[in-house]
Amino acid sequence: MCGNSSKYNGTISFHRFPVDLEVRSKLLVKIRRDSFTPTECTRVCSCHFLFEDFVTTTGGEKRLKKGSVPCLFAWNEFSVPAPRLNVWQRRPRPPSPDLPMASDNEMVTEKEVLHCDHAYFVTPTTALVTHQLADENEALRRKVEELQQEVQSLQLQSRFGLQHLQGSDEDIRFYTRFTSYKHFQAFWQLVEPAATTKMVRITSVHAASKEPSLLRPSKLAPIDELLLFLMHLSVGLHLRDLAKRFNIHTTTASRIITSWTHFLYYLLGSIRLWIPPEKVKAHLPPEFALFPDTQVVLDCTEIFCQTPSSLLLHSEVYSPYKSHTTFKAMIGIAPHGPITFVSPLYAGSMSDRDIFKQSGIAKLLTPKMAIMVDKGFLVDNLFPGKVYRPAFLARNKQMAKEDVQQTQSIARVRVHVERCIRRVKENKLFDKVIPLSVCGSIDQLFTVACLLVNYQNGPLVKAWATQK
């Protein structure tokens, strides 16, 4: 070979070779055709290799890369033919926009060339259309935002909520039994921490089988759920009516009522109602001056229930006093007005004495405490304290003067327990006959209604509010 020669390593490899594979194969065929058989001692002129085939060592020596093949010869005019274009490359293209011409004193920068080279479809017409589309998209985006706000406004208007009542204390009183919106908010601030962290909700079996993180959030805000429960209790609205007002399913409304019944029963029931004797005496109204040791004023009340089909159950819940099947409970108030005792609901056929015995109130009374009751409470031997009760005529034709005076004095102050019971029964849920289907939760509902009286109303007698 001619010129500067390089020792050929004898290995013909196409790996990392810069020439096209088709051209490479043709070259090797031509080499073999001329009976060129390279060995380890074969030397080939460096002119037959491409510039990329050489590498310079740290010592300055030029060496061939492993796998390099001679490809420049006289028969190919010492040039490598360009590789054949593929089908995609041979496909005709639309003419690209002309590049800006550079004047003598101005050169087209690489950035401008690249920008023009890549802006294949940018023409004055396409630019105008692009700006028009951008303006239309912006107008559509603003229209979507306006429609979303209108939808939210319509949803708020179609769904009943506390925002519809906050401007009228009369509506708050009618739907919740709280005296004002401010009063209702004060009660909500008391129960909100527990409602958002400790409340256990009644869910379906399918939802309960899921992980807590997969449970769907409630459709109503917690304060609106409380409003729904109070509307069911105070106004006695049917589940279908409540579901229509709050735009939820009837089953969802039922579960909300059940959840809040259990929650308020345990939350308000965990607060001690029974007041110590020293505090009762400290708040004793002047009307009880003749009965200074009175700890509690007791009376029983009844609510109608559906007549059961079983004759045995019918005989148990039938009340001779009301001539109807009823549930019966005993309520006690302190002399200054708050409810301090609520018994469970019992069958309407039970007497006041039996309810007093089974309610457990006798365990709270001491010999220094006195109770004030109606004539039906024959409980003198059931606890060691004193009993203030109207006198009986018995077999006498006329009451003694002292008995008449005492009866009148007791009646004047004992009437306040009946006024307190009337506050409980202002909840319209108890005006109608209680169906047997809700007997599982009616005891808790009635207890919650009694406990809420202490939060919903002011003092029984306005003059008592000034007493310390």
Protein backbone atom coordinates (compact mmCIF):
# COMPACT_ATOMS: atom_id res chain seq x y z
CA MET A 1 0.00 0.00 0.00
CA CYS A 2 1.04 3.57 -0.46
CA GLY A 3 1.68 6.55 1.79
CA ASN A 4 1.72 6.35 5.54
CA SER A 5 0.56 2.93 6.51
CA SER A 6 -1.26 1.77 9.54
CA LYS A 7 -1.16 -1.70 10.94
CA TYR A 8 -4.47 -3.41 10.43
CA ASN A 9 -5.63 -5.52 13.36
CA GLY A 10 -7.25 -8.14 11.15
CA THR A 11 -10.73 -7.79 12.60
CA ILE A 12 -13.50 -6.58 10.30
CA SER A 13 -16.35 -5.33 12.41
CA PHE A 14 -19.28 -3.05 11.56
CA HIS A 15 -19.86 -1.91 15.09
CA ARG A 16 -19.42 1.86 15.62
CA PHE A 17 -18.61 2.33 11.92
CA PRO A 18 -19.89 5.71 10.73
CA VAL A 19 -20.62 4.58 7.15
CA ASP A 20 -24.05 3.30 6.20
CA LEU A 21 -24.45 -0.48 6.51
CA GLU A 22 -25.41 -0.88 2.85
CA VAL A 23 -22.34 1.06 1.69
CA ARG A 24 -20.11 -0.90 4.09
CA SER A 25 -21.27 -4.24 2.70
CA LYS A 26 -20.61 -3.14 -0.86
CA LEU A 27 -17.11 -2.02 0.06
CA LEU A 28 -16.25 -5.33 1.67
CA VAL A 29 -17.57 -7.22 -1.34
CA LYS A 30 -15.36 -5.11 -3.60
CA ILE A 31 -12.35 -5.72 -1.38
CA ARG A 32 -12.84 -9.49 -1.47
CA ARG A 33 -13.38 -9.34 -5.20
CA ASP A 34 -9.90 -7.93 -5.62
CA SER A 35 -8.50 -10.83 -3.55
CA PHE A 36 -7.78 -8.59 -0.62
CA THR A 37 -7.32 -10.77 2.45
CA PRO A 38 -6.18 -8.76 5.50
CA THR A 39 -4.03 -10.36 8.19
CA GLU A 40 -2.37 -9.16 11.37
CA CYS A 41 0.70 -8.09 9.36
CA THR A 42 -1.23 -6.35 6.63
CA ARG A 43 -0.52 -2.67 6.35
CA VAL A 44 -2.94 -0.27 4.74
CA CYS A 45 -2.38 3.37 3.85
CA SER A 46 -4.07 5.80 6.15
CA CYS A 47 -5.61 7.54 3.15
CA HIS A 48 -8.00 4.63 2.78
CA PHE A 49 -9.61 5.32 6.19
CA LEU A 50 -11.99 8.00 7.29
CA PHE A 51 -10.96 10.69 9.71
CA GLU A 52 -13.33 9.31 12.32
CA ASP A 53 -11.52 5.94 12.26
CA PHE A 54 -8.43 7.32 14.02
CA VAL A 55 -7.78 8.05 17.68
CA THR A 56 -4.78 9.84 19.19
CA THR A 57 -3.19 8.31 22.29
CA THR A 58 -1.81 10.26 25.23
CA GLY A 59 1.65 9.85 23.76
CA GLY A 60 0.64 11.54 20.51
CA GLU A 61 0.56 8.32 18.46
CA LYS A 62 -2.27 7.95 15.93
CA ARG A 63 -4.00 4.57 16.03
CA LEU A 64 -6.95 3.04 14.29
CA LYS A 65 -10.08 2.35 16.23
CA LYS A 66 -10.95 -1.26 16.69
CA GLY A 67 -13.28 -2.48 13.97
CA SER A 68 -12.26 0.20 11.42
CA VAL A 69 -12.42 -0.84 7.75
CA PRO A 70 -10.70 0.84 4.74
CA CYS A 71 -13.32 2.40 2.53
CA LEU A 72 -11.56 5.01 0.41
CA PHE A 73 -10.06 3.65 -2.86
CA ALA A 74 -9.37 4.73 -6.41
CA TRP A 75 -12.33 2.80 -7.78
CA ASN A 76 -14.72 4.83 -5.58
CA GLU A 77 -12.78 8.02 -6.26
CA PHE A 78 -11.78 8.18 -2.58
CA SER A 79 -15.31 9.22 -1.50
CA VAL A 80 -18.07 7.46 0.32
CA PRO A 81 -21.40 7.61 -1.53
CA ALA A 82 -24.27 9.14 0.34
CA PRO A 83 -26.64 6.61 1.89
CA ARG A 84 -29.87 5.95 0.05
CA LEU A 85 -32.85 7.81 1.51
CA ASN A 86 -35.66 5.79 3.03
CA VAL A 87 -39.29 6.01 2.00
CA TRP A 88 -40.17 8.66 4.57
CA GLN A 89 -37.23 10.82 3.59
CA ARG A 90 -38.11 10.51 -0.16
CA ARG A 91 -41.70 11.60 0.47
CA PRO A 92 -42.40 15.12 -0.91
CA ARG A 93 -42.86 17.93 1.63
CA PRO A 94 -44.62 21.29 1.36
CA PRO A 95 -42.20 24.12 0.71
CA SER A 96 -40.81 25.67 3.86
CA PRO A 97 -40.83 29.46 4.31
CA ASP A 98 -37.78 31.22 2.97
CA LEU A 99 -35.11 32.08 5.46
CA PRO A 100 -34.39 35.77 5.92
CA MET A 101 -31.53 36.92 3.75
CA ALA A 102 -28.54 38.43 5.44
CA SER A 103 -27.22 41.69 4.13
CA ASP A 104 -23.58 42.58 3.89
CA ASN A 105 -23.56 44.17 7.35
CA GLU A 106 -25.96 41.77 8.97
CA MET A 107 -25.64 38.07 9.62
CA VAL A 108 -28.46 35.70 10.42
CA THR A 109 -27.80 34.27 13.87
CA GLU A 110 -28.10 30.58 14.65
CA LYS A 111 -31.06 31.28 16.96
CA GLU A 112 -32.94 33.03 14.15
CA VAL A 113 -32.17 30.22 11.71
CA LEU A 114 -33.41 27.61 14.16
CA HIS A 115 -36.52 29.67 14.88
CA CYS A 116 -37.30 29.96 11.17
CA ASP A 117 -36.39 26.34 10.58
CA HIS A 118 -38.83 25.12 13.24
CA ALA A 119 -41.69 27.55 12.53
CA TYR A 120 -42.90 25.41 9.63
CA PHE A 121 -46.54 26.55 9.69
CA VAL A 122 -46.15 30.17 10.84
CA THR A 123 -47.55 32.43 8.15
CA PRO A 124 -49.45 35.71 8.45
CA THR A 125 -52.70 33.82 7.93
CA THR A 126 -51.98 31.11 10.51
CA ALA A 127 -50.80 33.71 13.03
CA LEU A 128 -54.07 35.61 12.68
CA VAL A 129 -56.09 32.42 13.12
CA THR A 130 -54.01 31.49 16.17
CA HIS A 131 -54.71 34.83 17.84
CA GLN A 132 -58.42 34.50 17.08
CA LEU A 133 -58.52 31.00 18.59
CA ALA A 134 -56.68 32.24 21.69
CA ASP A 135 -59.23 35.05 22.14
CA GLU A 136 -62.10 32.62 21.71
CA ASN A 137 -60.60 30.21 24.25
CA GLU A 138 -60.20 33.03 26.77
CA ALA A 139 -63.82 34.11 26.24
CA LEU A 140 -65.01 30.52 26.66
CA ARG A 141 -62.96 30.13 29.84
CA ARG A 142 -64.57 33.24 31.36
CA LYS A 143 -68.00 31.97 30.31
CA VAL A 144 -67.36 28.61 32.01
CA GLU A 145 -66.36 30.38 35.24
CA GLU A 146 -69.55 32.46 35.15
CA LEU A 147 -71.68 29.37 34.56
CA GLN A 148 -69.97 27.54 37.44
CA GLN A 149 -70.75 30.43 39.77
CA GLU A 150 -74.38 30.45 38.61
CA VAL A 151 -74.64 26.70 39.21
CA GLN A 152 -73.25 27.08 42.74
CA SER A 153 -75.70 29.91 43.41
CA LEU A 154 -78.62 27.84 42.14
CA GLN A 155 -77.53 24.89 44.26
CA LEU A 156 -77.46 27.09 47.37
CA GLN A 157 -80.90 28.45 46.54
CA SER A 158 -82.39 25.04 45.80
CA ARG A 159 -80.93 23.42 48.92
CA PHE A 160 -82.34 24.35 52.30
CA GLY A 161 -79.66 25.39 54.78
CA LEU A 162 -78.80 27.58 57.72
CA GLN A 163 -78.03 30.52 55.41
CA HIS A 164 -81.77 30.75 54.67
CA LEU A 165 -82.61 31.21 58.37
CA GLN A 166 -79.81 33.34 59.77
CA GLY A 167 -81.62 36.59 59.02
CA SER A 168 -84.77 35.73 61.02
CA ASP A 169 -84.80 34.78 64.70
CA GLU A 170 -88.45 33.76 64.31
CA ASP A 171 -87.51 31.16 61.72
CA ILE A 172 -84.69 29.92 63.94
CA ARG A 173 -87.14 29.58 66.82
CA PHE A 174 -89.67 27.74 64.65
CA TYR A 175 -87.25 25.27 63.06
CA THR A 176 -84.77 24.68 65.91
CA ARG A 177 -86.49 25.83 69.16
CA PHE A 178 -83.46 28.06 69.87
CA THR A 179 -84.41 31.62 70.76
CA SER A 180 -82.11 33.30 68.19
CA TYR A 181 -79.50 32.69 65.54
CA LYS A 182 -76.79 33.85 67.93
CA HIS A 183 -78.05 31.37 70.52
CA PHE A 184 -77.94 28.57 67.95
CA GLN A 185 -74.37 29.48 66.95
CA ALA A 186 -73.31 29.43 70.60
CA PHE A 187 -74.64 25.87 70.96
CA TRP A 188 -72.93 24.84 67.71
CA GLN A 189 -69.58 26.09 69.01
CA LEU A 190 -70.00 23.75 71.99
CA VAL A 191 -70.65 20.61 69.95
CA GLU A 192 -68.56 21.36 66.83
CA PRO A 193 -65.19 20.02 68.14
CA ALA A 194 -66.71 16.66 69.02
CA ALA A 195 -68.90 16.56 65.89
CA THR A 196 -65.90 16.92 63.57
CA THR A 197 -63.57 14.48 65.38
CA LYS A 198 -65.50 11.94 67.46
CA MET A 199 -68.86 11.54 65.74
CA VAL A 200 -69.60 8.02 64.47
CA ARG A 201 -71.87 8.10 61.42
CA ILE A 202 -74.42 5.50 60.46
CA THR A 203 -73.54 4.15 57.00
CA SER A 204 -74.69 1.37 54.71
CA VAL A 205 -73.18 -2.11 54.89
CA HIS A 206 -71.41 -1.57 51.55
CA ALA A 207 -69.85 1.70 52.72
CA ALA A 208 -68.89 0.25 56.11
CA SER A 209 -66.93 -2.53 54.39
CA LYS A 210 -64.62 0.02 52.76
CA GLU A 211 -61.59 1.60 54.32
CA PRO A 212 -62.20 4.91 56.14
CA SER A 213 -60.11 6.74 53.56
CA LEU A 214 -62.42 5.50 50.79
CA LEU A 215 -65.66 6.63 52.40
CA ARG A 216 -67.45 9.37 50.56
CA PRO A 217 -67.76 12.65 52.45
CA SER A 218 -71.16 13.81 53.63
CA LYS A 219 -73.17 15.86 51.14
CA LEU A 220 -74.15 18.36 53.85
CA ALA A 221 -72.03 20.51 56.11
CA PRO A 222 -72.08 19.34 59.77
CA ILE A 223 -74.00 22.45 60.87
CA ASP A 224 -76.64 21.76 58.20
CA GLU A 225 -76.88 18.16 59.41
CA LEU A 226 -77.60 19.50 62.90
CA LEU A 227 -80.25 21.80 61.40
CA LEU A 228 -81.85 18.82 59.62
CA PHE A 229 -81.98 16.86 62.88
CA LEU A 230 -83.50 19.77 64.80
CA MET A 231 -86.09 20.33 62.07
CA HIS A 232 -87.11 16.68 62.32
CA LEU A 233 -87.36 16.96 66.10
CA SER A 234 -88.82 20.46 66.44
CA VAL A 235 -91.14 20.65 63.44
CA GLY A 236 -91.73 16.93 63.00
CA LEU A 237 -91.02 17.01 59.26
CA HIS A 238 -91.18 13.70 57.42
CA LEU A 239 -88.01 12.18 56.00
CA ARG A 240 -89.22 12.70 52.44
CA ASP A 241 -89.84 16.39 53.12
CA LEU A 242 -86.39 16.82 54.66
CA ALA A 243 -84.73 14.98 51.76
CA LYS A 244 -86.49 17.27 49.28
CA ARG A 245 -85.52 20.43 51.18
CA PHE A 246 -81.85 19.51 51.53
CA ASN A 247 -81.58 17.89 48.08
CA ILE A 248 -80.47 14.50 49.41
CA HIS A 249 -81.82 10.96 49.36
CA THR A 250 -84.39 9.85 51.92
CA THR A 251 -82.05 7.15 53.20
CA THR A 252 -79.30 9.73 53.69
CA ALA A 253 -81.67 11.93 55.72
CA SER A 254 -82.62 8.94 57.91
CA ARG A 255 -78.96 8.11 58.57
CA ILE A 256 -78.16 11.72 59.45
CA ILE A 257 -81.01 11.81 61.99
CA THR A 258 -79.94 8.51 63.54
CA SER A 259 -76.28 9.56 63.70
CA TRP A 260 -77.06 12.87 65.40
CA THR A 261 -79.51 11.22 67.79
CA HIS A 262 -76.83 8.86 69.08
CA PHE A 263 -74.17 11.57 69.06
CA LEU A 264 -76.17 14.15 71.08
CA TYR A 265 -77.46 11.44 73.41
CA TYR A 266 -73.97 10.48 74.49
CA LEU A 267 -72.45 13.97 74.25
CA LEU A 268 -75.12 15.83 76.24
CA GLY A 269 -75.69 12.83 78.48
CA SER A 270 -72.04 12.80 79.48
CA ILE A 271 -72.52 16.20 81.14
CA ARG A 272 -73.66 15.90 84.73
CA LEU A 273 -77.26 17.07 85.13
CA TRP A 274 -77.72 16.43 88.82
CA ILE A 275 -76.92 19.61 90.76
CA PRO A 276 -75.35 19.40 94.25
CA PRO A 277 -77.63 20.53 97.13
CA GLU A 278 -75.49 23.53 98.03
CA LYS A 279 -75.77 24.95 94.50
CA VAL A 280 -79.52 24.34 94.46
CA LYS A 281 -79.88 26.31 97.68
CA ALA A 282 -77.65 29.07 96.34
CA HIS A 283 -79.99 29.53 93.35
CA LEU A 284 -83.25 28.90 95.25
CA PRO A 285 -85.99 31.32 94.02
CA PRO A 286 -88.05 33.29 96.58
CA GLU A 287 -91.16 31.30 95.59
CA PHE A 288 -89.61 28.24 97.28
CA ALA A 289 -89.06 30.01 100.58
CA LEU A 290 -91.57 27.66 102.25
CA PHE A 291 -89.75 24.62 100.83
CA PRO A 292 -86.06 25.48 101.23
CA ASP A 293 -84.83 21.86 101.21
CA THR A 294 -86.42 20.97 97.88
CA GLN A 295 -83.87 19.27 95.63
CA VAL A 296 -86.02 18.31 92.65
CA VAL A 297 -89.59 18.73 91.40
CA LEU A 298 -90.85 15.56 89.68
CA ASP A 299 -93.67 14.77 87.30
CA CYS A 300 -94.49 12.18 84.63
CA THR A 301 -95.50 12.73 81.05
CA GLU A 302 -96.74 10.49 78.23
CA ILE A 303 -96.45 10.44 74.44
CA PHE A 304 -98.75 8.48 72.14
CA CYS A 305 -97.43 5.45 70.28
CA GLN A 306 -98.79 3.17 67.61
CA THR A 307 -101.05 0.38 68.80
CA PRO A 308 -99.20 -2.94 68.57
CA SER A 309 -100.88 -5.95 66.99
CA SER A 310 -99.95 -8.15 69.94
CA LEU A 311 -102.62 -8.12 72.65
CA LEU A 312 -99.98 -8.64 75.33
CA LEU A 313 -97.97 -5.61 74.20
CA HIS A 314 -101.18 -3.65 73.82
CA SER A 315 -102.11 -4.28 77.43
CA GLU A 316 -98.64 -3.23 78.59
CA VAL A 317 -98.48 0.11 76.78
CA TYR A 318 -102.14 1.05 77.17
CA SER A 319 -102.63 4.05 79.49
CA PRO A 320 -105.99 4.31 81.34
CA TYR A 321 -105.28 8.02 81.96
CA LYS A 322 -104.85 8.82 78.24
CA SER A 323 -107.12 6.03 76.93
CA HIS A 324 -104.44 5.26 74.36
CA THR A 325 -101.22 3.32 74.01
CA THR A 326 -98.38 5.50 75.30
CA PHE A 327 -94.79 5.68 76.42
CA LYS A 328 -94.25 7.21 79.85
CA ALA A 329 -91.26 9.02 81.36
CA MET A 330 -90.44 10.96 84.52
CA ILE A 331 -88.79 14.39 84.39
CA GLY A 332 -87.29 16.32 87.28
CA ILE A 333 -86.25 19.98 87.46
CA ALA A 334 -84.33 21.97 90.02
CA PRO A 335 -86.29 24.72 91.85
CA HIS A 336 -84.69 27.39 89.64
CA GLY A 337 -85.77 25.68 86.40
CA PRO A 338 -83.16 23.49 84.63
CA ILE A 339 -83.89 19.82 83.95
CA THR A 340 -81.74 17.72 86.26
CA PHE A 341 -83.23 14.26 85.77
CA VAL A 342 -84.72 12.35 82.83
CA SER A 343 -85.83 8.73 83.12
CA PRO A 344 -86.04 6.25 80.25
CA LEU A 345 -89.36 5.70 78.52
CA TYR A 346 -91.55 3.03 80.09
CA ALA A 347 -94.81 1.38 79.11
CA GLY A 348 -97.85 3.58 79.58
CA SER A 349 -99.51 1.15 81.99
CA MET A 350 -96.85 1.66 84.68
CA SER A 351 -97.71 3.81 87.69
CA ASP A 352 -95.75 6.84 88.86
CA ARG A 353 -94.54 4.90 91.87
CA ASP A 354 -93.14 2.06 89.75
CA ILE A 355 -91.37 4.48 87.45
CA PHE A 356 -89.87 6.30 90.45
CA LYS A 357 -88.63 2.97 91.77
CA GLN A 358 -87.11 1.76 88.49
CA SER A 359 -85.65 5.08 87.33
CA GLY A 360 -82.89 5.04 89.94
CA ILE A 361 -83.46 8.56 91.25
CA ALA A 362 -83.78 7.24 94.80
CA LYS A 363 -80.03 6.53 94.78
CA LEU A 364 -79.32 10.24 94.22
CA LEU A 365 -81.41 11.44 97.16
CA THR A 366 -80.20 11.77 100.75
CA PRO A 367 -82.18 12.25 104.01
CA LYS A 368 -81.47 16.01 103.87
CA MET A 369 -83.08 16.35 100.45
CA ALA A 370 -86.77 16.81 99.77
CA ILE A 371 -88.75 16.24 96.58
CA MET A 372 -91.95 17.86 95.33
CA VAL A 373 -94.42 15.63 93.49
CA ASP A 374 -98.06 15.33 92.43
CA LYS A 375 -100.71 13.32 94.20
CA GLY A 376 -99.99 10.14 92.23
CA PHE A 377 -96.47 9.79 93.60
CA LEU A 378 -96.89 7.62 96.67
CA VAL A 379 -93.15 7.29 97.23
CA ASP A 380 -92.80 8.21 100.91
CA ASN A 381 -91.24 4.87 101.83
CA LEU A 382 -88.97 4.58 98.78
CA PHE A 383 -86.30 7.05 99.96
CA PRO A 384 -85.38 8.56 103.34
CA GLY A 385 -86.02 12.22 102.47
CA LYS A 386 -89.10 14.42 102.75
CA VAL A 387 -91.91 14.55 100.19
CA TYR A 388 -93.90 17.71 99.40
CA ARG A 389 -97.18 16.53 97.93
CA PRO A 390 -100.71 18.03 97.81
CA ALA A 391 -102.93 16.69 100.57
CA PHE A 392 -105.64 14.09 99.96
CA LEU A 393 -109.24 14.60 100.95
CA ALA A 394 -109.46 10.92 101.89
CA ARG A 395 -112.68 10.19 103.79
CA ASN A 396 -113.03 13.69 105.19
CA LYS A 397 -115.82 15.84 103.83
CA GLN A 398 -113.61 18.91 103.83
CA MET A 399 -109.87 19.59 103.91
CA ALA A 400 -108.27 21.25 106.86
CA LYS A 401 -107.24 24.87 106.49
CA GLU A 402 -103.55 24.01 106.75
CA ASP A 403 -103.84 21.36 104.03
CA VAL A 404 -105.58 23.78 101.70
CA GLN A 405 -102.90 26.41 102.19
CA GLN A 406 -100.11 23.89 101.69
CA THR A 407 -101.76 22.48 98.57
CA GLN A 408 -102.06 25.94 97.08
CA SER A 409 -98.44 26.76 97.91
CA ILE A 410 -97.22 23.51 96.37
CA ALA A 411 -99.38 23.95 93.28
CA ARG A 412 -97.99 27.45 92.64
CA VAL A 413 -94.41 26.23 92.44
CA ARG A 414 -94.97 22.70 91.16
CA VAL A 415 -96.60 24.08 88.01
CA HIS A 416 -93.16 25.01 86.71
CA VAL A 417 -92.29 21.37 86.08
CA GLU A 418 -95.38 21.15 83.89
CA ARG A 419 -94.24 24.25 82.02
CA CYS A 420 -90.85 22.63 81.49
CA ILE A 421 -92.52 19.47 80.17
CA ARG A 422 -94.55 21.66 77.82
CA ARG A 423 -91.24 22.97 76.43
CA VAL A 424 -90.21 19.40 75.69
CA LYS A 425 -93.52 18.65 74.01
CA GLU A 426 -93.28 21.78 71.86
CA ASN A 427 -91.19 19.51 69.65
CA LYS A 428 -93.81 18.55 67.09
CA LEU A 429 -92.35 15.09 66.69
CA PHE A 430 -94.14 14.11 69.91
CA ASP A 431 -97.48 15.59 68.85
CA LYS A 432 -98.20 12.71 66.50
CA VAL A 433 -98.44 9.02 67.19
CA ILE A 434 -94.95 7.49 67.36
CA PRO A 435 -94.71 4.56 64.92
CA LEU A 436 -93.40 1.30 66.28
CA SER A 437 -90.71 1.29 63.57
CA VAL A 438 -88.76 4.00 65.47
CA CYS A 439 -89.12 2.45 68.92
CA GLY A 440 -85.44 1.53 68.80
CA SER A 441 -84.40 5.20 68.93
CA ILE A 442 -87.43 6.98 70.44
CA ASP A 443 -85.95 6.70 73.94
CA GLN A 444 -82.80 8.51 72.84
CA LEU A 445 -84.79 11.06 70.84
CA PHE A 446 -86.94 11.90 73.85
CA THR A 447 -83.91 12.18 76.13
CA VAL A 448 -82.12 14.47 73.66
CA ALA A 449 -85.24 16.66 73.43
CA CYS A 450 -85.26 16.99 77.23
CA LEU A 451 -81.54 17.77 77.40
CA LEU A 452 -81.80 20.38 74.65
CA VAL A 453 -84.38 22.31 76.69
CA ASN A 454 -81.56 23.49 78.97
CA TYR A 455 -79.78 25.03 75.95
CA GLN A 456 -82.69 26.26 73.86
CA ASN A 457 -84.64 28.35 76.34
CA GLY A 458 -84.23 31.01 78.96
CA PRO A 459 -85.40 30.75 82.60
CA LEU A 460 -88.95 29.60 83.33
CA VAL A 461 -89.66 32.79 85.23
CA LYS A 462 -87.93 35.97 84.05
CA ALA A 463 -87.55 37.22 87.61
CA TRP A 464 -85.47 34.10 88.39
CA ALA A 465 -82.84 35.18 85.89
CA THR A 466 -81.69 37.92 88.28
CA GLN A 467 -81.15 35.49 91.13
CA LYS A 468 -77.58 34.58 91.93
